[in-house]
Amino acid sequence: MSLDIKKNDTVMVVKGDDRGKKGRVLSVYPVKSELLIEKLNIVKRHMKPNKKYTQGGIIEKEAPVHRSNVALVCPKCDKPTRIGSTALENGARVRVCKICKEIMDR
């Protein structure tokens, strides 16, 4: 997943209950091919009181989404797209939008 979806990318969910919603990637779990997306795939968990949740009770938080259920959103054309890669003159590999052919890496 080196040239795939990375942290802070914008993605759109293409399958599941949150289909059509966009969000920012909070973290990537490459071993399981899962992503944690901000404010999407919210689940309720029963938590005991601890340092982070002093009150305890029912907590709503994001659950991971499989990588195959999301598509990267191109920052230029603002459409969900597949990712290509190309080499620059200095030899670095960069991600490229398949729709508008724009470089996606900063």
PDB file of N, CA and C in Angstrom:
ATOM      1  N   MET A   1       0.820  -1.195   0.000  1.00  0.00           N
ATOM      2  CA  MET A   1       0.000   0.000   0.000  1.00  0.00           C
ATOM      3  C   MET A   1       0.860   1.253   0.000  1.00  0.00           C
ATOM      4  N   SER A   2       2.077   1.178  -0.506  1.00  0.00           N
ATOM      5  CA  SER A   2       2.966   2.325  -0.442  1.00  0.00           C
ATOM      6  C   SER A   2       2.475   3.484  -1.300  1.00  0.00           C
ATOM      7  N   LEU A   3       1.901   3.213  -2.472  1.00  0.00           N
ATOM      8  CA  LEU A   3       1.410   4.281  -3.334  1.00  0.00           C
ATOM      9  C   LEU A   3      -0.104   4.347  -3.345  1.00  0.00           C
ATOM     10  N   ASP A   4      -0.734   3.757  -2.356  1.00  0.00           N
ATOM     11  CA  ASP A   4      -2.191   3.699  -2.338  1.00  0.00           C
ATOM     12  C   ASP A   4      -2.746   4.839  -1.490  1.00  0.00           C
ATOM     13  N   ILE A   5      -3.739   4.577  -0.700  1.00  0.00           N
ATOM     14  CA  ILE A   5      -4.365   5.588   0.151  1.00  0.00           C
ATOM     15  C   ILE A   5      -3.492   5.824   1.380  1.00  0.00           C
ATOM     16  N   LYS A   6      -3.307   7.100   1.709  1.00  0.00           N
ATOM     17  CA  LYS A   6      -2.454   7.479   2.830  1.00  0.00           C
ATOM     18  C   LYS A   6      -3.240   8.311   3.837  1.00  0.00           C
ATOM     19  N   LYS A   7      -2.632   8.545   4.992  1.00  0.00           N
ATOM     20  CA  LYS A   7      -3.236   9.361   6.033  1.00  0.00           C
ATOM     21  C   LYS A   7      -3.489  10.769   5.494  1.00  0.00           C
ATOM     22  N   ASN A   8      -4.606  11.373   5.899  1.00  0.00           N
ATOM     23  CA  ASN A   8      -5.054  12.717   5.521  1.00  0.00           C
ATOM     24  C   ASN A   8      -5.567  12.819   4.090  1.00  0.00           C
ATOM     25  N   ASP A   9      -5.689  11.703   3.351  1.00  0.00           N
ATOM     26  CA  ASP A   9      -6.342  11.719   2.041  1.00  0.00           C
ATOM     27  C   ASP A   9      -7.844  11.813   2.242  1.00  0.00           C
ATOM     28  N   THR A  10      -8.546  12.340   1.244  1.00  0.00           N
ATOM     29  CA  THR A  10     -10.001  12.352   1.262  1.00  0.00           C
ATOM     30  C   THR A  10     -10.493  11.164   0.451  1.00  0.00           C
ATOM     31  N   VAL A  11     -11.410  10.389   1.040  1.00  0.00           N
ATOM     32  CA  VAL A  11     -11.944   9.205   0.369  1.00  0.00           C
ATOM     33  C   VAL A  11     -13.465   9.263   0.382  1.00  0.00           C
ATOM     34  N   MET A  12     -14.075   8.513  -0.547  1.00  0.00           N
ATOM     35  CA  MET A  12     -15.530   8.371  -0.597  1.00  0.00           C
ATOM     36  C   MET A  12     -15.863   6.891  -0.435  1.00  0.00           C
ATOM     37  N   VAL A  13     -16.841   6.609   0.404  1.00  0.00           N
ATOM     38  CA  VAL A  13     -17.277   5.234   0.625  1.00  0.00           C
ATOM     39  C   VAL A  13     -18.148   4.820  -0.564  1.00  0.00           C
ATOM     40  N   VAL A  14     -17.827   3.676  -1.196  1.00  0.00           N
ATOM     41  CA  VAL A  14     -18.569   3.221  -2.362  1.00  0.00           C
ATOM     42  C   VAL A  14     -19.437   1.999  -2.066  1.00  0.00           C
ATOM     43  N   LYS A  15     -19.263   1.376  -0.890  1.00  0.00           N
ATOM     44  CA  LYS A  15     -20.090   0.238  -0.489  1.00  0.00           C
ATOM     45  C   LYS A  15     -20.423   0.362   0.985  1.00  0.00           C
ATOM     46  N   GLY A  16     -21.580  -0.131   1.362  1.00  0.00           N
ATOM     47  CA  GLY A  16     -21.947  -0.164   2.769  1.00  0.00           C
ATOM     48  C   GLY A  16     -22.989   0.872   3.139  1.00  0.00           C
ATOM     49  N   ASP A  17     -23.236   0.993   4.439  1.00  0.00           N
ATOM     50  CA  ASP A  17     -24.271   1.886   4.952  1.00  0.00           C
ATOM     51  C   ASP A  17     -23.946   3.358   4.711  1.00  0.00           C
ATOM     52  N   ASP A  18     -22.664   3.719   4.683  1.00  0.00           N
ATOM     53  CA  ASP A  18     -22.253   5.108   4.509  1.00  0.00           C
ATOM     54  C   ASP A  18     -21.926   5.426   3.054  1.00  0.00           C
ATOM     55  N   ARG A  19     -22.511   4.702   2.111  1.00  0.00           N
ATOM     56  CA  ARG A  19     -22.222   4.885   0.691  1.00  0.00           C
ATOM     57  C   ARG A  19     -22.470   6.327   0.263  1.00  0.00           C
ATOM     58  N   GLY A  20     -21.502   6.909  -0.471  1.00  0.00           N
ATOM     59  CA  GLY A  20     -21.631   8.259  -0.987  1.00  0.00           C
ATOM     60  C   GLY A  20     -21.071   9.339  -0.085  1.00  0.00           C
ATOM     61  N   LYS A  21     -20.694   8.998   1.137  1.00  0.00           N
ATOM     62  CA  LYS A  21     -20.168   9.998   2.067  1.00  0.00           C
ATOM     63  C   LYS A  21     -18.651  10.120   1.910  1.00  0.00           C
ATOM     64  N   LYS A  22     -18.157  11.347   2.110  1.00  0.00           N
ATOM     65  CA  LYS A  22     -16.725  11.609   2.030  1.00  0.00           C
ATOM     66  C   LYS A  22     -16.166  11.845   3.418  1.00  0.00           C
ATOM     67  N   GLY A  23     -14.901  11.523   3.597  1.00  0.00           N
ATOM     68  CA  GLY A  23     -14.238  11.759   4.872  1.00  0.00           C
ATOM     69  C   GLY A  23     -12.734  11.727   4.720  1.00  0.00           C
ATOM     70  N   ARG A  24     -12.047  12.198   5.764  1.00  0.00           N
ATOM     71  CA  ARG A  24     -10.590  12.243   5.781  1.00  0.00           C
ATOM     72  C   ARG A  24     -10.065  10.995   6.495  1.00  0.00           C
ATOM     73  N   VAL A  25      -9.000  10.413   5.965  1.00  0.00           N
ATOM     74  CA  VAL A  25      -8.412   9.212   6.542  1.00  0.00           C
ATOM     75  C   VAL A  25      -7.631   9.607   7.794  1.00  0.00           C
ATOM     76  N   LEU A  26      -7.996   9.003   8.933  1.00  0.00           N
ATOM     77  CA  LEU A  26      -7.309   9.274  10.192  1.00  0.00           C
ATOM     78  C   LEU A  26      -6.104   8.370  10.375  1.00  0.00           C
ATOM     79  N   SER A  27      -6.240   7.092  10.011  1.00  0.00           N
ATOM     80  CA  SER A  27      -5.117   6.165  10.110  1.00  0.00           C
ATOM     81  C   SER A  27      -5.325   5.015   9.144  1.00  0.00           C
ATOM     82  N   VAL A  28      -4.206   4.362   8.805  1.00  0.00           N
ATOM     83  CA  VAL A  28      -4.192   3.263   7.848  1.00  0.00           C
ATOM     84  C   VAL A  28      -3.626   2.034   8.554  1.00  0.00           C
ATOM     85  N   TYR A  29      -4.296   0.900   8.386  1.00  0.00           N
ATOM     86  CA  TYR A  29      -3.828  -0.377   8.931  1.00  0.00           C
ATOM     87  C   TYR A  29      -3.472  -1.291   7.761  1.00  0.00           C
ATOM     88  N   PRO A  30      -2.214  -1.258   7.274  1.00  0.00           N
ATOM     89  CA  PRO A  30      -1.866  -1.975   6.048  1.00  0.00           C
ATOM     90  C   PRO A  30      -1.935  -3.499   6.165  1.00  0.00           C
ATOM     91  N   VAL A  31      -1.734  -4.063   7.334  1.00  0.00           N
ATOM     92  CA  VAL A  31      -1.771  -5.517   7.479  1.00  0.00           C
ATOM     93  C   VAL A  31      -3.174  -6.055   7.213  1.00  0.00           C
ATOM     94  N   LYS A  32      -4.199  -5.347   7.703  1.00  0.00           N
ATOM     95  CA  LYS A  32      -5.585  -5.766   7.500  1.00  0.00           C
ATOM     96  C   LYS A  32      -6.233  -5.083   6.308  1.00  0.00           C
ATOM     97  N   SER A  33      -5.525  -4.169   5.632  1.00  0.00           N
ATOM     98  CA  SER A  33      -6.065  -3.380   4.506  1.00  0.00           C
ATOM     99  C   SER A  33      -7.297  -2.593   4.932  1.00  0.00           C
ATOM    100  N   GLU A  34      -7.206  -1.937   6.080  1.00  0.00           N
ATOM    101  CA  GLU A  34      -8.330  -1.170   6.607  1.00  0.00           C
ATOM    102  C   GLU A  34      -7.930   0.286   6.844  1.00  0.00           C
ATOM    103  N   LEU A  35      -8.940   1.149   6.826  1.00  0.00           N
ATOM    104  CA  LEU A  35      -8.754   2.577   7.034  1.00  0.00           C
ATOM    105  C   LEU A  35      -9.694   3.048   8.125  1.00  0.00           C
ATOM    106  N   LEU A  36      -9.267   4.020   8.899  1.00  0.00           N
ATOM    107  CA  LEU A  36     -10.121   4.671   9.875  1.00  0.00           C
ATOM    108  C   LEU A  36     -10.469   6.036   9.300  1.00  0.00           C
ATOM    109  N   ILE A  37     -11.753   6.282   9.025  1.00  0.00           N
ATOM    110  CA  ILE A  37     -12.195   7.492   8.345  1.00  0.00           C
ATOM    111  C   ILE A  37     -12.955   8.366   9.332  1.00  0.00           C
ATOM    112  N   GLU A  38     -12.654   9.658   9.307  1.00  0.00           N
ATOM    113  CA  GLU A  38     -13.229  10.619  10.242  1.00  0.00           C
ATOM    114  C   GLU A  38     -14.749  10.712  10.076  1.00  0.00           C
ATOM    115  N   LYS A  39     -15.480  10.502  11.170  1.00  0.00           N
ATOM    116  CA  LYS A  39     -16.943  10.638  11.257  1.00  0.00           C
ATOM    117  C   LYS A  39     -17.709   9.706  10.325  1.00  0.00           C
ATOM    118  N   LEU A  40     -17.132   8.557   9.962  1.00  0.00           N
ATOM    119  CA  LEU A  40     -17.832   7.561   9.148  1.00  0.00           C
ATOM    120  C   LEU A  40     -17.727   6.200   9.822  1.00  0.00           C
ATOM    121  N   ASN A  41     -18.704   5.339   9.548  1.00  0.00           N
ATOM    122  CA  ASN A  41     -18.785   3.998  10.126  1.00  0.00           C
ATOM    123  C   ASN A  41     -18.772   4.075  11.654  1.00  0.00           C
ATOM    124  N   ILE A  42     -19.670   4.885  12.207  1.00  0.00           N
ATOM    125  CA  ILE A  42     -19.761   5.091  13.654  1.00  0.00           C
ATOM    126  C   ILE A  42     -20.421   3.876  14.305  1.00  0.00           C
ATOM    127  N   VAL A  43     -19.774   3.363  15.367  1.00  0.00           N
ATOM    128  CA  VAL A  43     -20.318   2.241  16.128  1.00  0.00           C
ATOM    129  C   VAL A  43     -20.401   2.652  17.596  1.00  0.00           C
ATOM    130  N   LYS A  44     -21.250   1.954  18.350  1.00  0.00           N
ATOM    131  CA  LYS A  44     -21.390   2.211  19.779  1.00  0.00           C
ATOM    132  C   LYS A  44     -20.657   1.113  20.539  1.00  0.00           C
ATOM    133  N   ARG A  45     -19.872   1.512  21.524  1.00  0.00           N
ATOM    134  CA  ARG A  45     -19.126   0.573  22.342  1.00  0.00           C
ATOM    135  C   ARG A  45     -19.414   0.848  23.814  1.00  0.00           C
ATOM    136  N   HIS A  46     -19.578  -0.204  24.582  1.00  0.00           N
ATOM    137  CA  HIS A  46     -19.778  -0.073  26.020  1.00  0.00           C
ATOM    138  C   HIS A  46     -18.402  -0.065  26.678  1.00  0.00           C
ATOM    139  N   MET A  47     -18.069   1.038  27.335  1.00  0.00           N
ATOM    140  CA  MET A  47     -16.736   1.211  27.900  1.00  0.00           C
ATOM    141  C   MET A  47     -16.814   1.324  29.418  1.00  0.00           C
ATOM    142  N   LYS A  48     -15.874   0.674  30.083  1.00  0.00           N
ATOM    143  CA  LYS A  48     -15.712   0.869  31.514  1.00  0.00           C
ATOM    144  C   LYS A  48     -15.014   2.201  31.736  1.00  0.00           C
ATOM    145  N   PRO A  49     -15.205   2.820  32.881  1.00  0.00           N
ATOM    146  CA  PRO A  49     -14.471   4.063  33.158  1.00  0.00           C
ATOM    147  C   PRO A  49     -12.964   3.811  33.179  1.00  0.00           C
ATOM    148  N   ASN A  50     -12.214   4.683  32.503  1.00  0.00           N
ATOM    149  CA  ASN A  50     -10.757   4.613  32.510  1.00  0.00           C
ATOM    150  C   ASN A  50     -10.214   6.031  32.387  1.00  0.00           C
ATOM    151  N   LYS A  51      -8.915   6.177  32.145  1.00  0.00           N
ATOM    152  CA  LYS A  51      -8.323   7.520  32.084  1.00  0.00           C
ATOM    153  C   LYS A  51      -8.886   8.334  30.927  1.00  0.00           C
ATOM    154  N   LYS A  52      -9.100   7.712  29.791  1.00  0.00           N
ATOM    155  CA  LYS A  52      -9.599   8.446  28.630  1.00  0.00           C
ATOM    156  C   LYS A  52     -11.090   8.752  28.761  1.00  0.00           C
ATOM    157  N   TYR A  53     -11.867   7.779  29.209  1.00  0.00           N
ATOM    158  CA  TYR A  53     -13.315   7.946  29.385  1.00  0.00           C
ATOM    159  C   TYR A  53     -13.622   7.836  30.874  1.00  0.00           C
ATOM    160  N   THR A  54     -13.542   8.947  31.582  1.00  0.00           N
ATOM    161  CA  THR A  54     -13.711   8.907  33.034  1.00  0.00           C
ATOM    162  C   THR A  54     -15.130   8.535  33.431  1.00  0.00           C
ATOM    163  N   GLN A  55     -16.107   8.900  32.617  1.00  0.00           N
ATOM    164  CA  GLN A  55     -17.502   8.597  32.926  1.00  0.00           C
ATOM    165  C   GLN A  55     -17.846   7.153  32.579  1.00  0.00           C
ATOM    166  N   GLY A  56     -17.258   6.629  31.469  1.00  0.00           N
ATOM    167  CA  GLY A  56     -17.630   5.299  31.009  1.00  0.00           C
ATOM    168  C   GLY A  56     -18.967   5.362  30.292  1.00  0.00           C
ATOM    169  N   GLY A  57     -19.614   4.229  30.105  1.00  0.00           N
ATOM    170  CA  GLY A  57     -20.919   4.189  29.459  1.00  0.00           C
ATOM    171  C   GLY A  57     -20.817   3.824  27.987  1.00  0.00           C
ATOM    172  N   ILE A  58     -21.798   4.253  27.201  1.00  0.00           N
ATOM    173  CA  ILE A  58     -21.861   3.925  25.785  1.00  0.00           C
ATOM    174  C   ILE A  58     -21.156   5.040  25.001  1.00  0.00           C
ATOM    175  N   ILE A  59     -20.104   4.672  24.291  1.00  0.00           N
ATOM    176  CA  ILE A  59     -19.277   5.616  23.549  1.00  0.00           C
ATOM    177  C   ILE A  59     -19.476   5.372  22.048  1.00  0.00           C
ATOM    178  N   GLU A  60     -19.624   6.449  21.277  1.00  0.00           N
ATOM    179  CA  GLU A  60     -19.688   6.329  19.820  1.00  0.00           C
ATOM    180  C   GLU A  60     -18.321   6.662  19.247  1.00  0.00           C
ATOM    181  N   LYS A  61     -17.801   5.768  18.389  1.00  0.00           N
ATOM    182  CA  LYS A  61     -16.498   6.021  17.786  1.00  0.00           C
ATOM    183  C   LYS A  61     -16.441   5.402  16.394  1.00  0.00           C
ATOM    184  N   GLU A  62     -15.410   5.777  15.620  1.00  0.00           N
ATOM    185  CA  GLU A  62     -15.256   5.274  14.268  1.00  0.00           C
ATOM    186  C   GLU A  62     -14.712   3.847  14.305  1.00  0.00           C
ATOM    187  N   ALA A  63     -15.194   3.032  13.368  1.00  0.00           N
ATOM    188  CA  ALA A  63     -14.676   1.680  13.200  1.00  0.00           C
ATOM    189  C   ALA A  63     -13.962   1.623  11.854  1.00  0.00           C
ATOM    190  N   PRO A  64     -12.982   0.729  11.705  1.00  0.00           N
ATOM    191  CA  PRO A  64     -12.251   0.644  10.447  1.00  0.00           C
ATOM    192  C   PRO A  64     -13.134   0.177   9.292  1.00  0.00           C
ATOM    193  N   VAL A  65     -12.797   0.646   8.077  1.00  0.00           N
ATOM    194  CA  VAL A  65     -13.475   0.270   6.844  1.00  0.00           C
ATOM    195  C   VAL A  65     -12.444  -0.406   5.953  1.00  0.00           C
ATOM    196  N   HIS A  66     -12.834  -1.481   5.267  1.00  0.00           N
ATOM    197  CA  HIS A  66     -11.891  -2.163   4.387  1.00  0.00           C
ATOM    198  C   HIS A  66     -11.549  -1.284   3.203  1.00  0.00           C
ATOM    199  N   ARG A  67     -10.323  -1.354   2.748  1.00  0.00           N
ATOM    200  CA  ARG A  67      -9.811  -0.522   1.678  1.00  0.00           C
ATOM    201  C   ARG A  67     -10.591  -0.700   0.366  1.00  0.00           C
ATOM    202  N   SER A  68     -11.138  -1.881   0.130  1.00  0.00           N
ATOM    203  CA  SER A  68     -11.866  -2.147  -1.109  1.00  0.00           C
ATOM    204  C   SER A  68     -13.218  -1.447  -1.145  1.00  0.00           C
ATOM    205  N   ASN A  69     -13.685  -0.924  -0.016  1.00  0.00           N
ATOM    206  CA  ASN A  69     -14.989  -0.276   0.047  1.00  0.00           C
ATOM    207  C   ASN A  69     -14.917   1.237  -0.091  1.00  0.00           C
ATOM    208  N   VAL A  70     -13.731   1.779  -0.364  1.00  0.00           N
ATOM    209  CA  VAL A  70     -13.582   3.223  -0.524  1.00  0.00           C
ATOM    210  C   VAL A  70     -12.833   3.534  -1.815  1.00  0.00           C
ATOM    211  N   ALA A  71     -13.015   4.763  -2.299  1.00  0.00           N
ATOM    212  CA  ALA A  71     -12.291   5.256  -3.467  1.00  0.00           C
ATOM    213  C   ALA A  71     -11.669   6.597  -3.109  1.00  0.00           C
ATOM    214  N   LEU A  72     -10.453   6.814  -3.553  1.00  0.00           N
ATOM    215  CA  LEU A  72      -9.760   8.067  -3.292  1.00  0.00           C
ATOM    216  C   LEU A  72     -10.403   9.187  -4.089  1.00  0.00           C
ATOM    217  N   VAL A  73     -10.575  10.360  -3.462  1.00  0.00           N
ATOM    218  CA  VAL A  73     -11.166  11.519  -4.131  1.00  0.00           C
ATOM    219  C   VAL A  73     -10.022  12.427  -4.594  1.00  0.00           C
ATOM    220  N   CYS A  74     -10.027  12.753  -5.879  1.00  0.00           N
ATOM    221  CA  CYS A  74      -9.002  13.617  -6.460  1.00  0.00           C
ATOM    222  C   CYS A  74      -9.215  15.042  -5.944  1.00  0.00           C
ATOM    223  N   PRO A  75      -8.175  15.711  -5.434  1.00  0.00           N
ATOM    224  CA  PRO A  75      -8.347  17.072  -4.934  1.00  0.00           C
ATOM    225  C   PRO A  75      -8.626  18.088  -6.040  1.00  0.00           C
ATOM    226  N   LYS A  76      -8.238  17.799  -7.276  1.00  0.00           N
ATOM    227  CA  LYS A  76      -8.457  18.757  -8.360  1.00  0.00           C
ATOM    228  C   LYS A  76      -9.854  18.621  -8.963  1.00  0.00           C
ATOM    229  N   CYS A  77     -10.225  17.400  -9.404  1.00  0.00           N
ATOM    230  CA  CYS A  77     -11.526  17.232 -10.068  1.00  0.00           C
ATOM    231  C   CYS A  77     -12.645  16.872  -9.090  1.00  0.00           C
ATOM    232  N   ASP A  78     -12.315  16.595  -7.812  1.00  0.00           N
ATOM    233  CA  ASP A  78     -13.273  16.321  -6.747  1.00  0.00           C
ATOM    234  C   ASP A  78     -14.197  15.146  -7.079  1.00  0.00           C
ATOM    235  N   LYS A  79     -13.649  14.108  -7.737  1.00  0.00           N
ATOM    236  CA  LYS A  79     -14.400  12.903  -8.067  1.00  0.00           C
ATOM    237  C   LYS A  79     -13.679  11.693  -7.499  1.00  0.00           C
ATOM    238  N   PRO A  80     -14.421  10.650  -7.109  1.00  0.00           N
ATOM    239  CA  PRO A  80     -13.756   9.422  -6.688  1.00  0.00           C
ATOM    240  C   PRO A  80     -13.075   8.785  -7.892  1.00  0.00           C
ATOM    241  N   THR A  81     -11.840   8.376  -7.732  1.00  0.00           N
ATOM    242  CA  THR A  81     -11.058   7.901  -8.860  1.00  0.00           C
ATOM    243  C   THR A  81     -10.162   6.750  -8.466  1.00  0.00           C
ATOM    244  N   ARG A  82      -9.693   6.055  -9.478  1.00  0.00           N
ATOM    245  CA  ARG A  82      -8.654   5.052  -9.275  1.00  0.00           C
ATOM    246  C   ARG A  82      -7.313   5.766  -9.332  1.00  0.00           C
ATOM    247  N   ILE A  83      -6.290   5.099  -8.839  1.00  0.00           N
ATOM    248  CA  ILE A  83      -4.983   5.718  -8.713  1.00  0.00           C
ATOM    249  C   ILE A  83      -4.007   5.059  -9.680  1.00  0.00           C
ATOM    250  N   GLY A  84      -3.264   5.895 -10.399  1.00  0.00           N
ATOM    251  CA  GLY A  84      -2.154   5.412 -11.196  1.00  0.00           C
ATOM    252  C   GLY A  84      -0.877   5.939 -10.579  1.00  0.00           C
ATOM    253  N   SER A  85       0.262   5.516 -11.101  1.00  0.00           N
ATOM    254  CA  SER A  85       1.525   6.048 -10.608  1.00  0.00           C
ATOM    255  C   SER A  85       2.427   6.336 -11.791  1.00  0.00           C
ATOM    256  N   THR A  86       3.268   7.315 -11.608  1.00  0.00           N
ATOM    257  CA  THR A  86       4.226   7.685 -12.640  1.00  0.00           C
ATOM    258  C   THR A  86       5.509   8.129 -11.958  1.00  0.00           C
ATOM    259  N   ALA A  87       6.594   8.122 -12.718  1.00  0.00           N
ATOM    260  CA  ALA A  87       7.889   8.539 -12.188  1.00  0.00           C
ATOM    261  C   ALA A  87       8.197   9.954 -12.642  1.00  0.00           C
ATOM    262  N   LEU A  88       8.707  10.759 -11.735  1.00  0.00           N
ATOM    263  CA  LEU A  88       9.148  12.113 -12.072  1.00  0.00           C
ATOM    264  C   LEU A  88      10.574  12.055 -12.617  1.00  0.00           C
ATOM    265  N   GLU A  89      11.099  13.215 -13.040  1.00  0.00           N
ATOM    266  CA  GLU A  89      12.446  13.274 -13.598  1.00  0.00           C
ATOM    267  C   GLU A  89      13.512  12.869 -12.579  1.00  0.00           C
ATOM    268  N   ASN A  90      13.256  13.167 -11.293  1.00  0.00           N
ATOM    269  CA  ASN A  90      14.228  12.832 -10.252  1.00  0.00           C
ATOM    270  C   ASN A  90      14.119  11.378  -9.792  1.00  0.00           C
ATOM    271  N   GLY A  91      13.211  10.600 -10.388  1.00  0.00           N
ATOM    272  CA  GLY A  91      13.079   9.179 -10.058  1.00  0.00           C
ATOM    273  C   GLY A  91      12.037   8.861  -9.012  1.00  0.00           C
ATOM    274  N   ALA A  92      11.411   9.872  -8.418  1.00  0.00           N
ATOM    275  CA  ALA A  92      10.400   9.638  -7.380  1.00  0.00           C
ATOM    276  C   ALA A  92       9.098   9.167  -8.016  1.00  0.00           C
ATOM    277  N   ARG A  93       8.418   8.235  -7.341  1.00  0.00           N
ATOM    278  CA  ARG A  93       7.119   7.749  -7.795  1.00  0.00           C
ATOM    279  C   ARG A  93       6.033   8.592  -7.144  1.00  0.00           C
ATOM    280  N   VAL A  94       5.041   9.025  -7.932  1.00  0.00           N
ATOM    281  CA  VAL A  94       3.936   9.826  -7.409  1.00  0.00           C
ATOM    282  C   VAL A  94       2.612   9.220  -7.862  1.00  0.00           C
ATOM    283  N   ARG A  95       1.549   9.519  -7.109  1.00  0.00           N
ATOM    284  CA  ARG A  95       0.210   9.060  -7.452  1.00  0.00           C
ATOM    285  C   ARG A  95      -0.421  10.014  -8.449  1.00  0.00           C
ATOM    286  N   VAL A  96      -1.181   9.455  -9.408  1.00  0.00           N
ATOM    287  CA  VAL A  96      -1.801  10.255 -10.456  1.00  0.00           C
ATOM    288  C   VAL A  96      -3.268   9.872 -10.553  1.00  0.00           C
ATOM    289  N   CYS A  97      -4.150  10.882 -10.712  1.00  0.00           N
ATOM    290  CA  CYS A  97      -5.577  10.659 -10.905  1.00  0.00           C
ATOM    291  C   CYS A  97      -5.797  10.055 -12.286  1.00  0.00           C
ATOM    292  N   LYS A  98      -6.585   8.996 -12.386  1.00  0.00           N
ATOM    293  CA  LYS A  98      -6.858   8.356 -13.672  1.00  0.00           C
ATOM    294  C   LYS A  98      -7.838   9.166 -14.513  1.00  0.00           C
ATOM    295  N   ILE A  99      -8.595  10.101 -13.899  1.00  0.00           N
ATOM    296  CA  ILE A  99      -9.586  10.883 -14.639  1.00  0.00           C
ATOM    297  C   ILE A  99      -8.951  12.122 -15.260  1.00  0.00           C
ATOM    298  N   CYS A 100      -8.307  12.964 -14.420  1.00  0.00           N
ATOM    299  CA  CYS A 100      -7.784  14.235 -14.914  1.00  0.00           C
ATOM    300  C   CYS A 100      -6.272  14.225 -15.122  1.00  0.00           C
ATOM    301  N   LYS A 101      -5.615  13.098 -14.818  1.00  0.00           N
ATOM    302  CA  LYS A 101      -4.157  12.938 -14.982  1.00  0.00           C
ATOM    303  C   LYS A 101      -3.338  13.926 -14.140  1.00  0.00           C
ATOM    304  N   GLU A 102      -3.919  14.443 -13.064  1.00  0.00           N
ATOM    305  CA  GLU A 102      -3.241  15.389 -12.191  1.00  0.00           C
ATOM    306  C   GLU A 102      -2.467  14.633 -11.113  1.00  0.00           C
ATOM    307  N   ILE A 103      -1.307  15.155 -10.725  1.00  0.00           N
ATOM    308  CA  ILE A 103      -0.512  14.550  -9.655  1.00  0.00           C
ATOM    309  C   ILE A 103      -1.220  14.789  -8.323  1.00  0.00           C
ATOM    310  N   MET A 104      -1.402  13.723  -7.529  1.00  0.00           N
ATOM    311  CA  MET A 104      -2.160  13.820  -6.279  1.00  0.00           C
ATOM    312  C   MET A 104      -1.278  14.073  -5.069  1.00  0.00           C
ATOM    313  N   ASP A 105       0.013  13.734  -5.144  1.00  0.00           N
ATOM    314  CA  ASP A 105       0.911  13.960  -4.018  1.00  0.00           C
ATOM    315  C   ASP A 105       1.295  15.424  -3.940  1.00  0.00           C
ATOM    316  N   ARG A 106       1.499  15.908  -2.715  1.00  0.00           N
ATOM    317  CA  ARG A 106       1.814  17.319  -2.518  1.00  0.00           C
ATOM    318  C   ARG A 106       3.253  17.598  -2.866  1.00  0.00           C
TER     319      ARG A 106
END
